[in-house]
């Protein structure tokens, strides 16, 4: 039975998602189509690719071999796509940009508006996420990322330091901060650095809420649920809040604009990174809490 890339991609999706329903959603087909497709594929090959267990679909030895082949094919296809995209010599086409959700409203949108006016032939696909998307897989072409050392296999430039301080409501008086109710980022945020910061200063029973996004953290402090650490660039602009501490160096990170090395010479990537650097330069004092 001759196989196409679609069959390999389909089997890998079933394995990655652990079953047909999630795989079908990923591939944009319905469950019954996915079921018929897998049944026909196994019948054509004369082998079973998955054991159907109550906990999900588990690859057989043949299924695992097909998944490994699909992984290699996917990597080759992605490398080719990056290489082809990197040879573009005019600033046009679609550009996938990922950034933290907290940057969207008052910071990133004016930058994108100015960029769109300057380069009308480039279409932006914006992915707002607290997670660091994989640029090697081309989940995005450019990442605006806050991290202490994000580069790894990526290339780009540091735009500013990002300072954090403790904030509370502007119209409320505070005494001993350790006795206040606190809001904390979830341990999954920033490698647990915020959890360690609070553990050294606040009794565990004073942490009344943990949350996994900076946007949610800002909203919780603004609603009066407690005090907590926030990035100065956002919290200083919120009239409902005031600083209760100076910036804490152990919470600080850096703001970067990054891309994959294969894409750095693509015209649309290059002009976007240059535009971001120009636009962010006047905002450095705000990011650095000055």
Protein backbone atom coordinates (compact mmCIF):
# COMPACT_ATOMS: atom_id res chain seq x y z
CA UNK A 1 0.00 0.00 0.00
CA UNK A 2 1.59 3.31 -1.07
CA UNK A 3 1.60 5.86 1.75
CA UNK A 4 1.43 9.65 1.58
CA UNK A 5 2.71 12.21 4.08
CA UNK A 6 -0.90 12.74 5.21
CA UNK A 7 -1.09 9.18 6.53
CA UNK A 8 2.10 9.63 8.54
CA UNK A 9 0.86 12.98 9.84
CA UNK A 10 -2.48 11.46 10.79
CA UNK A 11 -0.94 8.58 12.77
CA UNK A 12 1.40 10.97 14.59
CA UNK A 13 -1.55 13.20 15.52
CA UNK A 14 -3.43 10.23 17.01
CA UNK A 15 -0.35 9.30 19.06
CA UNK A 16 0.38 12.88 20.16
CA UNK A 17 -3.23 13.46 21.22
CA UNK A 18 -3.80 10.02 22.71
CA UNK A 19 -6.93 9.24 20.73
CA UNK A 20 -9.11 9.94 17.72
CA UNK A 21 -11.28 12.74 19.08
CA UNK A 22 -8.45 15.13 19.90
CA UNK A 23 -6.52 14.16 16.77
CA UNK A 24 -9.58 14.82 14.61
CA UNK A 25 -9.99 18.28 16.19
CA UNK A 26 -6.33 19.05 15.51
CA UNK A 27 -6.62 17.99 11.87
CA UNK A 28 -9.96 19.68 11.26
CA UNK A 29 -11.97 16.50 10.59
CA UNK A 30 -14.75 14.81 12.55
CA UNK A 31 -14.41 11.72 14.74
CA UNK A 32 -16.18 9.34 12.35
CA UNK A 33 -13.89 10.39 9.49
CA UNK A 34 -10.85 9.79 11.68
CA UNK A 35 -12.18 6.37 12.73
CA UNK A 36 -12.77 5.30 9.11
CA UNK A 37 -9.38 6.63 8.08
CA UNK A 38 -7.49 4.69 10.76
CA UNK A 39 -9.49 1.51 10.07
CA UNK A 40 -8.78 1.74 6.34
CA UNK A 41 -5.09 2.47 6.93
CA UNK A 42 -4.63 -0.54 9.23
CA UNK A 43 -6.55 -2.77 6.80
CA UNK A 44 -4.44 -1.60 3.88
CA UNK A 45 -1.19 -2.19 5.78
CA UNK A 46 -2.38 -5.46 7.26
CA UNK A 47 -1.16 -4.46 10.74
CA UNK A 48 -2.61 -2.83 13.83
CA UNK A 49 -1.07 0.57 14.55
CA UNK A 50 -2.68 1.23 17.93
CA UNK A 51 -3.91 -0.75 20.90
CA UNK A 52 -7.28 0.68 21.94
CA UNK A 53 -7.14 0.96 25.72
CA UNK A 54 -9.54 2.60 28.14
CA UNK A 55 -6.85 5.18 28.87
CA UNK A 56 -6.31 6.02 25.19
CA UNK A 57 -4.70 4.85 21.96
CA UNK A 58 -1.25 3.34 22.53
CA UNK A 59 1.02 2.71 19.50
CA UNK A 60 1.99 -0.85 18.67
CA UNK A 61 5.54 -1.59 17.49
CA UNK A 62 4.48 -0.90 13.89
CA UNK A 63 2.65 2.23 14.95
CA UNK A 64 5.72 3.49 16.81
CA UNK A 65 7.90 2.90 13.74
CA UNK A 66 5.46 4.95 11.65
CA UNK A 67 5.42 7.73 14.25
CA UNK A 68 9.23 7.88 14.28
CA UNK A 69 9.24 8.13 10.49
CA UNK A 70 6.59 10.86 10.67
CA UNK A 71 8.73 12.79 13.16
CA UNK A 72 11.72 12.67 10.80
CA UNK A 73 9.58 13.71 7.82
CA UNK A 74 8.03 16.58 9.82
CA UNK A 75 11.49 17.83 10.83
CA UNK A 76 12.67 17.72 7.20
CA UNK A 77 9.56 19.55 5.96
CA UNK A 78 9.94 22.20 8.66
CA UNK A 79 13.62 22.71 7.84
CA UNK A 80 12.73 23.17 4.18
CA UNK A 81 9.93 25.64 5.04
CA UNK A 82 12.30 27.67 7.22
CA UNK A 83 14.97 27.69 4.51
CA UNK A 84 12.46 28.73 1.85
CA UNK A 85 10.96 31.42 4.08
CA UNK A 86 14.42 32.72 4.92
CA UNK A 87 15.17 33.41 1.26
CA UNK A 88 12.36 35.91 0.85
CA UNK A 89 13.85 39.22 -0.33
CA UNK A 90 10.80 41.48 -0.14
CA UNK A 91 8.90 42.43 3.03
CA UNK A 92 5.60 40.73 2.21
CA UNK A 93 3.51 37.69 3.11
CA UNK A 94 2.33 36.31 6.43
CA UNK A 95 4.41 36.77 9.57
CA UNK A 96 3.56 34.72 12.66
CA UNK A 97 4.39 36.59 15.86
CA UNK A 98 4.02 35.30 19.41
CA UNK A 99 4.00 37.50 22.51
CA UNK A 100 2.78 37.37 26.13
CA UNK A 101 -0.93 38.08 26.46
CA UNK A 102 -0.24 40.95 28.85
CA UNK A 103 1.49 42.89 26.07
CA UNK A 104 -1.51 42.95 23.77
CA UNK A 105 -3.64 45.95 24.60
CA UNK A 106 -1.74 49.13 25.32
CA UNK A 107 1.78 48.05 24.35
CA UNK A 108 1.81 45.74 21.35
CA UNK A 109 -1.20 46.94 19.35
CA UNK A 110 0.17 50.48 18.73
CA UNK A 111 3.45 48.91 17.56
CA UNK A 112 1.59 46.57 15.19
CA UNK A 113 -0.55 49.44 13.90
CA UNK A 114 2.52 51.50 13.04
CA UNK A 115 4.17 48.46 11.46
CA UNK A 116 1.09 47.74 9.35
CA UNK A 117 1.05 51.30 8.04
CA UNK A 118 4.75 51.06 7.21
CA UNK A 119 4.62 47.59 5.60
CA UNK A 120 1.11 47.06 4.21
CA UNK A 121 2.10 43.91 2.28
CA UNK A 122 2.89 41.97 5.48
CA UNK A 123 0.00 40.19 7.20
CA UNK A 124 0.48 39.56 10.93
CA UNK A 125 -0.79 36.36 12.57
CA UNK A 126 -0.53 37.17 16.29
CA UNK A 127 -0.40 34.33 18.84
CA UNK A 128 -0.80 35.52 22.42
CA UNK A 129 0.51 32.94 24.85
CA UNK A 130 2.18 32.74 28.23
CA UNK A 131 4.00 29.62 26.97
CA UNK A 132 7.18 29.85 24.91
CA UNK A 133 6.22 28.52 21.48
CA UNK A 134 8.72 26.44 19.52
CA UNK A 135 10.25 28.55 16.76
CA UNK A 136 12.22 25.56 15.45
CA UNK A 137 8.90 23.91 14.54
CA UNK A 138 7.70 27.21 13.08
CA UNK A 139 4.93 27.57 15.64
CA UNK A 140 5.84 31.22 15.10
CA UNK A 141 8.39 33.16 13.04
CA UNK A 142 9.20 35.84 15.62
CA UNK A 143 8.85 35.75 19.41
CA UNK A 144 8.63 38.74 21.72
CA UNK A 145 9.66 37.03 24.92
CA UNK A 146 10.44 37.88 28.55
CA UNK A 147 13.19 35.64 29.89
CA UNK A 148 16.56 35.71 31.62
CA UNK A 149 18.26 33.71 28.86
CA UNK A 150 15.88 32.72 26.05
CA UNK A 151 18.22 32.35 23.13
CA UNK A 152 19.35 28.70 22.96
CA UNK A 153 19.26 28.04 19.22
CA UNK A 154 17.50 31.36 18.53
CA UNK A 155 18.95 34.71 17.48
CA UNK A 156 17.77 38.23 18.21
CA UNK A 157 18.34 41.16 20.48
CA UNK A 158 17.63 42.31 24.01
CA UNK A 159 15.23 45.24 24.05
CA UNK A 160 15.00 46.18 27.74
CA UNK A 161 15.14 44.94 31.30
CA UNK A 162 11.72 44.10 32.78
CA UNK A 163 11.41 45.13 36.44
CA UNK A 164 8.91 43.67 38.93
CA UNK A 165 7.72 45.12 42.25
CA UNK A 166 5.00 44.39 44.79
CA UNK A 167 1.71 46.26 44.21
CA UNK A 168 -1.54 46.80 46.06
CA UNK A 169 -4.60 49.05 45.78
CA UNK A 170 -3.83 52.77 45.52
CA UNK A 171 -6.62 53.81 47.89
CA UNK A 172 -5.73 51.43 50.71
CA UNK A 173 -3.22 51.76 53.56
CA UNK A 174 -0.92 48.81 54.20
CA UNK A 175 1.06 47.85 57.28
CA UNK A 176 3.16 44.70 57.59
CA UNK A 177 3.07 43.24 54.07
CA UNK A 178 3.73 39.72 55.34
CA UNK A 179 0.40 39.88 57.19
CA UNK A 180 -1.56 40.83 54.05
CA UNK A 181 -3.37 38.49 51.70
CA UNK A 182 -1.15 37.72 48.71
CA UNK A 183 -1.68 36.75 45.09
CA UNK A 184 1.08 34.63 43.61
CA UNK A 185 1.99 33.48 40.13
CA UNK A 186 1.64 29.72 39.77
CA UNK A 187 4.85 27.65 40.34
CA UNK A 188 4.89 26.92 36.60
CA UNK A 189 5.52 30.61 35.83
CA UNK A 190 9.16 31.67 35.34
CA UNK A 191 10.53 28.40 36.63
CA UNK A 192 9.03 28.91 40.08
CA UNK A 193 11.04 32.06 40.87
CA UNK A 194 7.93 33.88 42.15
CA UNK A 195 6.99 30.95 44.37
CA UNK A 196 10.46 31.01 45.92
CA UNK A 197 10.28 34.80 46.32
CA UNK A 198 7.03 34.61 48.29
CA UNK A 199 8.10 31.57 50.31
CA UNK A 200 11.01 33.59 51.71
CA UNK A 201 8.79 36.51 52.75
CA UNK A 202 5.21 35.40 53.33
CA UNK A 203 3.63 32.64 55.47
CA UNK A 204 2.11 29.97 53.23
CA UNK A 205 -1.40 30.57 54.61
CA UNK A 206 -1.29 34.22 53.47
CA UNK A 207 -1.12 33.21 49.79
CA UNK A 208 -4.83 33.21 49.03
CA UNK A 209 -4.71 32.77 45.27
CA UNK A 210 -2.28 31.34 42.75
CA UNK A 211 -2.74 32.11 39.07
CA UNK A 212 -0.92 31.08 35.91
CA UNK A 213 -1.01 34.28 33.81
CA UNK A 214 0.35 37.77 34.37
CA UNK A 215 -2.88 39.26 33.00
CA UNK A 216 -4.87 37.34 35.59
CA UNK A 217 -2.44 38.35 38.33
CA UNK A 218 -2.91 42.04 37.47
CA UNK A 219 -6.69 41.62 37.45
CA UNK A 220 -6.67 39.86 40.84
CA UNK A 221 -4.57 42.56 42.53
CA UNK A 222 -6.70 45.31 40.91
CA UNK A 223 -9.86 43.64 42.25
CA UNK A 224 -8.50 43.77 45.80
CA UNK A 225 -8.05 40.02 46.27
CA UNK A 226 -4.60 40.66 47.69
CA UNK A 227 -1.23 42.20 47.00
CA UNK A 228 1.35 40.65 44.72
CA UNK A 229 4.30 41.03 42.35
CA UNK A 230 3.59 42.65 39.00
CA UNK A 231 5.68 43.95 36.09
CA UNK A 232 6.25 47.66 36.54
CA UNK A 233 5.50 48.54 32.91
CA UNK A 234 1.90 47.36 33.36
CA UNK A 235 1.17 48.10 37.01
CA UNK A 236 2.63 51.64 37.03
CA UNK A 237 0.18 52.54 34.28
CA UNK A 238 -2.81 51.31 36.30
CA UNK A 239 -4.22 54.16 38.43
CA UNK A 240 -5.95 51.66 40.71
CA UNK A 241 -2.56 50.33 41.91
CA UNK A 242 0.49 51.65 43.72
CA UNK A 243 3.91 50.22 44.44
CA UNK A 244 4.50 48.76 47.87
CA UNK A 245 8.18 47.99 47.23
CA UNK A 246 11.04 48.88 44.97
CA UNK A 247 11.85 46.62 42.02
CA UNK A 248 13.15 43.23 43.19
CA UNK A 249 16.22 42.17 41.17
CA UNK A 250 15.52 38.47 41.72
CA UNK A 251 12.22 38.80 39.85
CA UNK A 252 13.59 40.80 36.94
CA UNK A 253 14.08 39.42 33.46
CA UNK A 254 14.77 40.81 29.99
CA UNK A 255 12.59 41.57 27.00
CA UNK A 256 13.80 40.00 23.74
CA UNK A 257 12.75 39.82 20.12
CA UNK A 258 13.88 36.48 18.65
CA UNK A 259 13.73 34.33 15.55
CA UNK A 260 15.23 31.14 14.20
CA UNK A 261 18.64 31.52 12.48
CA UNK A 262 17.17 30.24 9.20
CA UNK A 263 14.68 33.12 9.17
CA UNK A 264 16.78 36.07 10.31
CA UNK A 265 17.52 37.25 6.76
CA UNK A 266 13.92 36.95 5.53
CA UNK A 267 12.84 40.49 4.70
CA UNK A 268 9.55 40.43 6.61
CA UNK A 269 11.28 39.02 9.72
CA UNK A 270 14.18 41.46 9.53
CA UNK A 271 12.01 44.58 9.15
CA UNK A 272 9.67 43.47 11.95
CA UNK A 273 12.53 42.91 14.39
CA UNK A 274 14.06 46.26 13.48
CA UNK A 275 10.67 47.98 13.89
CA UNK A 276 10.18 46.40 17.34
CA UNK A 277 13.62 47.52 18.47
CA UNK A 278 12.94 51.10 17.32
CA UNK A 279 9.50 51.19 18.95
CA UNK A 280 10.65 49.69 22.26
CA UNK A 281 13.66 51.96 22.78
CA UNK A 282 11.65 54.96 24.08
CA UNK A 283 9.73 52.57 26.40
CA UNK A 284 12.83 51.32 28.24
CA UNK A 285 12.30 53.53 31.33
CA UNK A 286 8.77 52.18 31.66
CA UNK A 287 9.93 48.55 31.42
CA UNK A 288 12.78 49.12 33.84
CA UNK A 289 10.49 50.71 36.44
CA UNK A 290 12.12 54.14 36.25
